[in-house]
Amino acid sequence: MSGIINTTTVQSTTVDSTNLQVSNIKDNTGTNTAMTIDTSGRVNLPVQPAFSMHKGGNASGNAVIVLNAGFNQGNHVNTSTGVFTAPVAGRYFFSAFSIKGNANGSVARLQIRKNGSAVVEARMDESGNYNQASVSIILNLSANDTVDFYNGTSVSFYMEGYYGMCSGYLIG
């Protein structure tokens, strides 16, 4: 078990037989705070991969939805391609929602894809206009796996933030 706690770098820490009390946990270089615990026990993970983004317009048919506006902690979503790349292996949660525009008689498909293959899909049906759909999934990803959000039909739908958004984060 040697090497778990390097006592030469421990500062302002109280250790007894049952408790370890710290306010900040830094990365292995000692320069970046990886975790903060406040006096109420709330945990903040300031470098945890996370995003909640949208496109500055409609999602075109049969194409990756290029997410280029919103929150992108860690910059793991490429805003030129819309593709998220997992920085580390782990379980990730992804979700998306959208509204199909005035396209009665057509179906729109909002997909979440892993490494280019659809893993889950939400349909905005042909009956009526302005149908809404949402989709979510937990995926086991390896480092450098990719996830994107895809319009699986030729029918466009809204992805402008208020009417459509894509999100994801590392669970652990």
Protein backbone atom coordinates (compact mmCIF):
# COMPACT_ATOMS: atom_id res chain seq x y z
CA MET A 1 0.00 0.00 0.00
CA SER A 2 3.00 2.33 -0.16
CA GLY A 3 2.60 5.31 -2.43
CA ILE A 4 -1.11 5.88 -1.76
CA ILE A 5 -0.42 9.02 0.29
CA ASN A 6 2.88 10.79 -0.21
CA THR A 7 3.47 12.31 3.22
CA THR A 8 6.00 14.81 1.86
CA THR A 9 3.22 16.57 -0.06
CA VAL A 10 0.42 16.41 2.52
CA GLN A 11 -0.32 19.87 3.88
CA SER A 12 -2.98 21.03 6.36
CA THR A 13 -4.38 17.52 6.76
CA THR A 14 -5.68 15.90 9.93
CA VAL A 15 -5.52 12.13 10.19
CA ASP A 16 -6.80 10.03 13.07
CA SER A 17 -7.75 6.36 13.27
CA THR A 18 -11.07 6.84 11.40
CA ASN A 19 -10.96 10.16 9.50
CA LEU A 20 -8.94 11.95 6.88
CA GLN A 21 -9.77 15.67 6.78
CA VAL A 22 -8.76 17.67 3.70
CA SER A 23 -10.27 20.60 1.84
CA ASN A 24 -8.50 20.17 -1.53
CA ILE A 25 -7.13 17.19 -3.43
CA LYS A 26 -4.65 18.00 -6.20
CA ASP A 27 -3.49 16.03 -9.23
CA ASN A 28 -0.19 14.14 -9.21
CA THR A 29 1.74 17.27 -10.24
CA GLY A 30 0.37 19.19 -7.26
CA THR A 31 -0.64 22.14 -9.45
CA ASN A 32 -4.30 21.48 -10.34
CA THR A 33 -7.12 21.04 -7.85
CA ALA A 34 -8.96 17.83 -8.73
CA MET A 35 -11.49 17.96 -5.87
CA THR A 36 -12.65 20.47 -3.28
CA ILE A 37 -14.76 19.65 -0.23
CA ASP A 38 -16.30 22.62 1.60
CA THR A 39 -17.18 22.80 5.30
CA SER A 40 -20.71 21.51 4.59
CA GLY A 41 -19.37 18.42 2.81
CA ARG A 42 -20.26 19.58 -0.72
CA VAL A 43 -17.87 18.16 -3.33
CA ASN A 44 -16.73 20.12 -6.38
CA LEU A 45 -14.87 18.40 -9.23
CA PRO A 46 -13.64 21.38 -11.27
CA VAL A 47 -11.95 19.33 -14.01
CA GLN A 48 -14.62 16.63 -14.38
CA PRO A 49 -15.41 16.21 -18.12
CA ALA A 50 -18.87 17.73 -18.72
CA PHE A 51 -20.76 19.62 -21.40
CA SER A 52 -24.20 21.01 -22.18
CA MET A 53 -24.20 22.40 -25.68
CA HIS A 54 -26.35 23.25 -28.65
CA LYS A 55 -26.04 24.16 -32.28
CA GLY A 56 -26.50 27.70 -33.51
CA GLY A 57 -29.35 26.60 -35.80
CA ASN A 58 -31.31 23.59 -36.98
CA ALA A 59 -29.83 20.09 -37.15
CA SER A 60 -29.52 19.16 -40.82
CA GLY A 61 -30.62 15.75 -42.01
CA ASN A 62 -28.35 12.69 -42.02
CA ALA A 63 -25.48 14.50 -40.29
CA VAL A 64 -23.62 14.84 -37.01
CA ILE A 65 -25.04 17.71 -34.98
CA VAL A 66 -22.16 20.17 -34.63
CA LEU A 67 -22.32 21.44 -31.05
CA ASN A 68 -20.69 24.85 -31.01
CA ALA A 69 -22.26 26.88 -28.20
CA GLY A 70 -22.70 26.34 -24.47
CA PHE A 71 -20.71 24.83 -21.62
CA ASN A 72 -17.75 22.56 -22.53
CA GLN A 73 -15.69 21.85 -19.39
CA GLY A 74 -12.34 20.41 -20.41
CA ASN A 75 -12.99 21.13 -24.11
CA HIS A 76 -13.63 17.46 -24.86
CA VAL A 77 -16.27 18.35 -27.48
CA ASN A 78 -14.66 19.43 -30.74
CA THR A 79 -16.72 22.48 -31.70
CA SER A 80 -15.77 22.07 -35.39
CA THR A 81 -17.06 18.48 -35.63
CA GLY A 82 -19.48 18.17 -32.69
CA VAL A 83 -17.73 14.99 -31.52
CA PHE A 84 -17.00 14.28 -27.83
CA THR A 85 -13.79 12.30 -27.15
CA ALA A 86 -13.54 10.54 -23.78
CA PRO A 87 -10.38 11.72 -22.01
CA VAL A 88 -10.38 8.74 -19.60
CA ALA A 89 -12.08 5.36 -19.36
CA GLY A 90 -15.25 5.27 -17.27
CA ARG A 91 -19.03 5.47 -17.21
CA TYR A 92 -20.53 8.52 -18.89
CA PHE A 93 -24.08 9.86 -18.97
CA PHE A 94 -25.38 11.45 -22.19
CA SER A 95 -28.72 13.06 -23.00
CA ALA A 96 -30.34 15.13 -25.73
CA PHE A 97 -33.69 16.69 -26.58
CA SER A 98 -35.14 18.45 -29.59
CA ILE A 99 -38.34 19.58 -31.27
CA LYS A 100 -39.20 18.74 -34.87
CA GLY A 101 -40.36 21.78 -36.79
CA ASN A 102 -43.32 22.21 -39.09
CA ALA A 103 -42.89 18.92 -40.97
CA ASN A 104 -46.19 17.04 -40.69
CA GLY A 105 -46.06 13.58 -42.23
CA SER A 106 -42.32 13.02 -41.61
CA VAL A 107 -40.24 11.32 -38.91
CA ALA A 108 -37.10 12.80 -37.35
CA ARG A 109 -34.56 10.62 -35.50
CA LEU A 110 -32.27 12.00 -32.81
CA GLN A 111 -29.48 9.47 -32.18
CA ILE A 112 -26.62 9.14 -29.73
CA ARG A 113 -23.73 7.29 -31.38
CA LYS A 114 -20.64 5.65 -29.93
CA ASN A 115 -17.65 5.41 -32.27
CA GLY A 116 -19.95 6.15 -35.24
CA SER A 117 -22.64 3.54 -34.47
CA ALA A 118 -26.08 4.40 -33.08
CA VAL A 119 -26.64 3.08 -29.54
CA VAL A 120 -29.98 4.79 -28.81
CA GLU A 121 -32.56 6.77 -30.79
CA ALA A 122 -35.53 9.01 -30.08
CA ARG A 123 -38.21 9.54 -32.74
CA MET A 124 -40.18 12.67 -33.41
CA ASP A 125 -43.23 11.12 -35.12
CA GLU A 126 -44.94 12.03 -38.35
CA SER A 127 -48.28 12.82 -36.70
CA GLY A 128 -48.50 16.53 -36.16
CA ASN A 129 -46.00 19.35 -36.01
CA TYR A 130 -43.56 20.42 -33.31
CA ASN A 131 -43.21 16.97 -31.71
CA GLN A 132 -40.56 16.72 -29.01
CA ALA A 133 -38.22 13.83 -28.23
CA SER A 134 -35.55 13.17 -25.64
CA VAL A 135 -33.04 10.41 -25.18
CA SER A 136 -30.48 9.46 -22.51
CA ILE A 137 -28.02 6.66 -21.90
CA ILE A 138 -25.12 5.60 -19.69
CA LEU A 139 -22.16 4.28 -21.68
CA ASN A 140 -18.97 2.51 -20.66
CA LEU A 141 -16.25 4.27 -22.63
CA SER A 142 -12.56 3.65 -23.07
CA ALA A 143 -10.17 6.57 -23.32
CA ASN A 144 -10.43 8.09 -26.85
CA ASP A 145 -13.85 6.55 -27.61
CA THR A 146 -16.06 9.08 -29.36
CA VAL A 147 -19.71 10.03 -28.88
CA ASP A 148 -21.75 12.22 -31.18
CA PHE A 149 -25.35 13.27 -31.60
CA TYR A 150 -26.78 12.51 -35.03
CA ASN A 151 -29.81 13.39 -37.11
CA GLY A 152 -30.72 10.00 -38.59
CA THR A 153 -33.18 11.23 -41.25
CA SER A 154 -33.44 13.92 -43.89
CA VAL A 155 -35.87 15.94 -41.73
CA SER A 156 -34.22 18.81 -39.84
CA PHE A 157 -35.10 19.68 -36.26
CA TYR A 158 -34.39 22.49 -33.82
CA MET A 159 -31.12 22.42 -31.83
CA GLU A 160 -30.84 26.07 -30.82
CA GLY A 161 -30.59 25.70 -27.03
CA TYR A 162 -34.10 26.57 -25.98
CA TYR A 163 -35.60 23.88 -28.25
CA GLY A 164 -32.69 21.45 -28.37
CA MET A 165 -29.63 20.60 -26.30
CA CYS A 166 -27.06 17.82 -25.93
CA SER A 167 -25.28 17.05 -22.65
CA GLY A 168 -22.83 14.59 -21.16
CA TYR A 169 -20.55 14.05 -18.20
CA LEU A 170 -18.24 11.52 -16.59
CA ILE A 171 -19.98 9.64 -13.78
CA GLY A 172 -16.85 7.82 -12.66
